[in-house]
Each structure stands twice: as C-alpha cells, then as structure tokens.
Amino acid sequence: MKFVDTNVFLRFLTRDDETKAEACLRLFQRLDAGLDEATTCEAVLAEVVYVLSSRGSAYNLPAGEIAARLRPLLSSRGLKLPNKRMYLRALDLYETYSPLDFEDALAVAHMERQKISAIVSYDRDFDRVTQVNREEP
C-alpha cells in the first residue's frame, strides 16, 4: 500500500509536466486495473480541489470540471479510501451547489452520513443546500 500526495493528483490532472504526468498516468492506470493499491486522505483531496479552483492560479477550473476529473480517480478499484462514498458524495455536492467550496461540501457529506441536518455557521453558502438548516450561534 502506498499513500498518494497532492502533487501526484495535480501533475496527472493538469499535465503541467508531461514526464511526471505520464508517470502519474501509469500509476492511476495500475490503480484502476486493481494491479496496485494506494490511499490518500481528506486533506489531500481538499488541497487538490483548492489548487484547481483557485482564482489566482493558472487553473481556475469550475466545480463541475474538477468533479468530472476527480471522480474517475477516486472510483479506481485500487484506491482504497475508508470514506470513498462520502468523498464522491462531496464531489456531487460541490458540483451541484457551486459556489459552495469543497471543504463545505465535505462537511455536508459528513452531516448526511451522520443524519444531521443542522449546522451552526455564519457561512451563508450552506443556505443553498436544501437539506441543510444553517443556524447562527
């Protein structure tokens, strides 16, 4: 088992360095085929989305495109994530309720998993999510 860091996802998704992008492609092909196993964590996924969506970066990709690029990678047979369904759900929420940021989409996915509908927050972006009731302290 290996741990995949942010820069590997980014090199593959952005192809900003062709040599590294090809090496990452081979890794993700092995993972998809189940020939290799790896994992990552929520912080890495959040960082990938942050970098790809940042307005100040060269990427500045919309939520739908980021979700479309990440979904197949997260669905790979060899990528073992203890909360894989929740991460995929967070991508769906991120895409559906844009401009909800990915970290907030992860929070909503956690809430759904725990059957919680109320969030205590000053962040009005949560008001867009129909199944969430935002309350201020």
C-alpha atoms as a PDB file:
ATOM      1  CA  MET A   1       0.000   0.000   0.000  1.00  0.00           C
ATOM      2  CA  LYS A   2       1.179   3.499  -0.889  1.00  0.00           C
ATOM      3  CA  PHE A   3      -0.054   6.978   0.024  1.00  0.00           C
ATOM      4  CA  VAL A   4      -0.745   9.363  -2.877  1.00  0.00           C
ATOM      5  CA  ASP A   5       0.108  13.003  -2.209  1.00  0.00           C
ATOM      6  CA  THR A   6      -1.493  16.143  -3.652  1.00  0.00           C
ATOM      7  CA  ASN A   7       1.201  16.804  -6.242  1.00  0.00           C
ATOM      8  CA  VAL A   8       0.674  13.403  -7.898  1.00  0.00           C
ATOM      9  CA  PHE A   9      -3.023  14.137  -8.422  1.00  0.00           C
ATOM     10  CA  LEU A  10      -2.171  17.624  -9.680  1.00  0.00           C
ATOM     11  CA  ARG A  11       0.553  16.514 -12.103  1.00  0.00           C
ATOM     12  CA  PHE A  12      -1.861  13.978 -13.590  1.00  0.00           C
ATOM     13  CA  LEU A  13      -4.869  16.310 -13.734  1.00  0.00           C
ATOM     14  CA  THR A  14      -3.072  19.382 -15.063  1.00  0.00           C
ATOM     15  CA  ARG A  15      -0.380  17.772 -17.215  1.00  0.00           C
ATOM     16  CA  ASP A  16       1.845  20.755 -16.439  1.00  0.00           C
ATOM     17  CA  ASP A  17       4.901  18.491 -16.591  1.00  0.00           C
ATOM     18  CA  GLU A  18       4.485  15.873 -19.319  1.00  0.00           C
ATOM     19  CA  THR A  19       7.100  13.454 -17.962  1.00  0.00           C
ATOM     20  CA  LYS A  20       5.566  13.461 -14.480  1.00  0.00           C
ATOM     21  CA  ALA A  21       2.036  13.392 -15.917  1.00  0.00           C
ATOM     22  CA  GLU A  22       2.860  10.207 -17.844  1.00  0.00           C
ATOM     23  CA  ALA A  23       4.314   8.548 -14.738  1.00  0.00           C
ATOM     24  CA  CYS A  24       1.179   9.519 -12.801  1.00  0.00           C
ATOM     25  CA  LEU A  25      -0.997   8.197 -15.624  1.00  0.00           C
ATOM     26  CA  ARG A  26       0.707   4.805 -15.343  1.00  0.00           C
ATOM     27  CA  LEU A  27       0.142   4.800 -11.573  1.00  0.00           C
ATOM     28  CA  PHE A  28      -3.558   5.642 -11.930  1.00  0.00           C
ATOM     29  CA  GLN A  29      -3.951   3.016 -14.674  1.00  0.00           C
ATOM     30  CA  ARG A  30      -2.466   0.380 -12.337  1.00  0.00           C
ATOM     31  CA  LEU A  31      -4.799   1.534  -9.559  1.00  0.00           C
ATOM     32  CA  ASP A  32      -7.820   1.486 -11.841  1.00  0.00           C
ATOM     33  CA  ALA A  33      -6.974  -2.034 -13.016  1.00  0.00           C
ATOM     34  CA  GLY A  34      -6.501  -3.178  -9.427  1.00  0.00           C
ATOM     35  CA  LEU A  35      -2.844  -4.053 -10.067  1.00  0.00           C
ATOM     36  CA  ASP A  36      -1.647  -1.721  -7.320  1.00  0.00           C
ATOM     37  CA  GLU A  37      -3.147  -0.308  -4.125  1.00  0.00           C
ATOM     38  CA  ALA A  38      -2.880   3.160  -2.649  1.00  0.00           C
ATOM     39  CA  THR A  39      -4.729   5.505  -0.360  1.00  0.00           C
ATOM     40  CA  THR A  40      -4.894   9.213   0.404  1.00  0.00           C
ATOM     41  CA  CYS A  41      -6.741  11.444   2.854  1.00  0.00           C
ATOM     42  CA  GLU A  42      -9.354  14.145   3.029  1.00  0.00           C
ATOM     43  CA  ALA A  43      -6.746  16.900   3.379  1.00  0.00           C
ATOM     44  CA  VAL A  44      -5.076  15.863   0.115  1.00  0.00           C
ATOM     45  CA  LEU A  45      -8.389  15.842  -1.750  1.00  0.00           C
ATOM     46  CA  ALA A  46      -9.305  19.256  -0.334  1.00  0.00           C
ATOM     47  CA  GLU A  47      -5.931  20.651  -1.371  1.00  0.00           C
ATOM     48  CA  VAL A  48      -6.286  19.265  -4.909  1.00  0.00           C
ATOM     49  CA  VAL A  49      -9.681  20.926  -5.281  1.00  0.00           C
ATOM     50  CA  TYR A  50      -8.398  24.164  -3.752  1.00  0.00           C
ATOM     51  CA  VAL A  51      -5.458  24.404  -6.157  1.00  0.00           C
ATOM     52  CA  LEU A  52      -7.565  23.547  -9.210  1.00  0.00           C
ATOM     53  CA  SER A  53     -10.284  26.047  -8.286  1.00  0.00           C
ATOM     54  CA  SER A  54      -8.144  28.951  -7.083  1.00  0.00           C
ATOM     55  CA  ARG A  55      -8.811  32.130  -8.996  1.00  0.00           C
ATOM     56  CA  GLY A  56      -5.225  33.239  -8.586  1.00  0.00           C
ATOM     57  CA  SER A  57      -3.833  30.041 -10.094  1.00  0.00           C
ATOM     58  CA  ALA A  58      -3.292  29.115 -13.701  1.00  0.00           C
ATOM     59  CA  TYR A  59      -6.114  26.552 -13.445  1.00  0.00           C
ATOM     60  CA  ASN A  60      -9.212  28.349 -12.041  1.00  0.00           C
ATOM     61  CA  LEU A  61     -11.407  25.409 -13.068  1.00  0.00           C
ATOM     62  CA  PRO A  62     -15.168  25.348 -12.431  1.00  0.00           C
ATOM     63  CA  ALA A  63     -16.559  22.910  -9.859  1.00  0.00           C
ATOM     64  CA  GLY A  64     -18.150  20.678 -12.500  1.00  0.00           C
ATOM     65  CA  GLU A  65     -14.889  20.182 -14.347  1.00  0.00           C
ATOM     66  CA  ILE A  66     -12.967  19.459 -11.152  1.00  0.00           C
ATOM     67  CA  ALA A  67     -15.575  16.901 -10.072  1.00  0.00           C
ATOM     68  CA  ALA A  68     -15.509  15.295 -13.524  1.00  0.00           C
ATOM     69  CA  ARG A  69     -11.718  14.970 -13.399  1.00  0.00           C
ATOM     70  CA  LEU A  70     -11.529  13.644  -9.828  1.00  0.00           C
ATOM     71  CA  ARG A  71     -14.497  11.259  -9.844  1.00  0.00           C
ATOM     72  CA  PRO A  72     -12.830   8.567 -12.016  1.00  0.00           C
ATOM     73  CA  LEU A  73      -9.638   8.690  -9.950  1.00  0.00           C
ATOM     74  CA  LEU A  74     -11.490   8.298  -6.666  1.00  0.00           C
ATOM     75  CA  SER A  75     -13.520   5.461  -8.172  1.00  0.00           C
ATOM     76  CA  SER A  76     -10.411   3.472  -9.067  1.00  0.00           C
ATOM     77  CA  ARG A  77     -10.517  -0.081  -7.744  1.00  0.00           C
ATOM     78  CA  GLY A  78      -7.030   0.130  -6.260  1.00  0.00           C
ATOM     79  CA  LEU A  79      -7.522   3.475  -4.500  1.00  0.00           C
ATOM     80  CA  LYS A  80      -8.577   2.365  -1.029  1.00  0.00           C
ATOM     81  CA  LEU A  81     -10.366   5.106   0.874  1.00  0.00           C
ATOM     82  CA  PRO A  82     -12.270   4.363   4.068  1.00  0.00           C
ATOM     83  CA  ASN A  83     -14.856   7.017   3.179  1.00  0.00           C
ATOM     84  CA  LYS A  84     -14.840   6.709  -0.610  1.00  0.00           C
ATOM     85  CA  ARG A  85     -18.616   7.072  -0.999  1.00  0.00           C
ATOM     86  CA  MET A  86     -18.606  10.154   1.202  1.00  0.00           C
ATOM     87  CA  TYR A  87     -15.832  11.785  -0.869  1.00  0.00           C
ATOM     88  CA  LEU A  88     -17.729  11.024  -4.067  1.00  0.00           C
ATOM     89  CA  ARG A  89     -20.874  12.480  -2.476  1.00  0.00           C
ATOM     90  CA  ALA A  90     -18.900  15.596  -1.513  1.00  0.00           C
ATOM     91  CA  LEU A  91     -17.872  15.979  -5.172  1.00  0.00           C
ATOM     92  CA  ASP A  92     -21.545  15.737  -6.180  1.00  0.00           C
ATOM     93  CA  LEU A  93     -22.497  18.398  -3.622  1.00  0.00           C
ATOM     94  CA  TYR A  94     -19.577  20.589  -4.657  1.00  0.00           C
ATOM     95  CA  GLU A  95     -20.677  20.416  -8.277  1.00  0.00           C
ATOM     96  CA  THR A  96     -24.401  20.857  -7.564  1.00  0.00           C
ATOM     97  CA  TYR A  97     -24.215  23.702  -5.053  1.00  0.00           C
ATOM     98  CA  SER A  98     -21.410  25.769  -6.562  1.00  0.00           C
ATOM     99  CA  PRO A  99     -20.050  28.176  -5.262  1.00  0.00           C
ATOM    100  CA  LEU A 100     -20.106  26.001  -2.121  1.00  0.00           C
ATOM    101  CA  ASP A 101     -16.441  25.227  -1.570  1.00  0.00           C
ATOM    102  CA  PHE A 102     -15.217  21.647  -1.360  1.00  0.00           C
ATOM    103  CA  GLU A 103     -14.488  21.785   2.368  1.00  0.00           C
ATOM    104  CA  ASP A 104     -18.094  22.818   2.989  1.00  0.00           C
ATOM    105  CA  ALA A 105     -19.299  20.061   0.668  1.00  0.00           C
ATOM    106  CA  LEU A 106     -17.259  17.615   2.757  1.00  0.00           C
ATOM    107  CA  ALA A 107     -18.947  18.959   5.890  1.00  0.00           C
ATOM    108  CA  VAL A 108     -22.381  18.381   4.324  1.00  0.00           C
ATOM    109  CA  ALA A 109     -21.382  14.864   3.268  1.00  0.00           C
ATOM    110  CA  HIS A 110     -20.280  14.153   6.856  1.00  0.00           C
ATOM    111  CA  MET A 111     -23.593  15.563   8.099  1.00  0.00           C
ATOM    112  CA  GLU A 112     -25.585  13.361   5.728  1.00  0.00           C
ATOM    113  CA  ARG A 113     -23.642  10.293   6.808  1.00  0.00           C
ATOM    114  CA  GLN A 114     -24.428  11.048  10.451  1.00  0.00           C
ATOM    115  CA  LYS A 115     -28.034  12.052   9.662  1.00  0.00           C
ATOM    116  CA  ILE A 116     -27.507  15.623  10.891  1.00  0.00           C
ATOM    117  CA  SER A 117     -29.461  18.384   9.191  1.00  0.00           C
ATOM    118  CA  ALA A 118     -28.475  21.460  11.235  1.00  0.00           C
ATOM    119  CA  ILE A 119     -25.157  23.262  11.040  1.00  0.00           C
ATOM    120  CA  VAL A 120     -24.026  26.097  13.265  1.00  0.00           C
ATOM    121  CA  SER A 121     -22.247  28.503  10.953  1.00  0.00           C
ATOM    122  CA  TYR A 122     -22.058  32.069   9.741  1.00  0.00           C
ATOM    123  CA  ASP A 123     -21.303  30.802   6.216  1.00  0.00           C
ATOM    124  CA  ARG A 124     -24.363  31.656   4.098  1.00  0.00           C
ATOM    125  CA  ASP A 125     -23.208  29.294   1.318  1.00  0.00           C
ATOM    126  CA  PHE A 126     -24.819  26.498   3.344  1.00  0.00           C
ATOM    127  CA  ASP A 127     -28.201  28.171   2.726  1.00  0.00           C
ATOM    128  CA  ARG A 128     -28.011  26.910  -0.882  1.00  0.00           C
ATOM    129  CA  VAL A 129     -28.055  23.269   0.244  1.00  0.00           C
ATOM    130  CA  THR A 130     -31.699  22.306   0.588  1.00  0.00           C
ATOM    131  CA  GLN A 131     -31.184  19.526   3.142  1.00  0.00           C
ATOM    132  CA  VAL A 132     -29.133  21.734   5.497  1.00  0.00           C
ATOM    133  CA  ASN A 133     -30.576  24.116   8.066  1.00  0.00           C
ATOM    134  CA  ARG A 134     -27.996  26.748   8.979  1.00  0.00           C
ATOM    135  CA  GLU A 135     -28.196  28.302  12.403  1.00  0.00           C
ATOM    136  CA  GLU A 136     -26.062  31.038  13.857  1.00  0.00           C
ATOM    137  CA  PRO A 137     -24.811  30.697  17.451  1.00  0.00           C
END
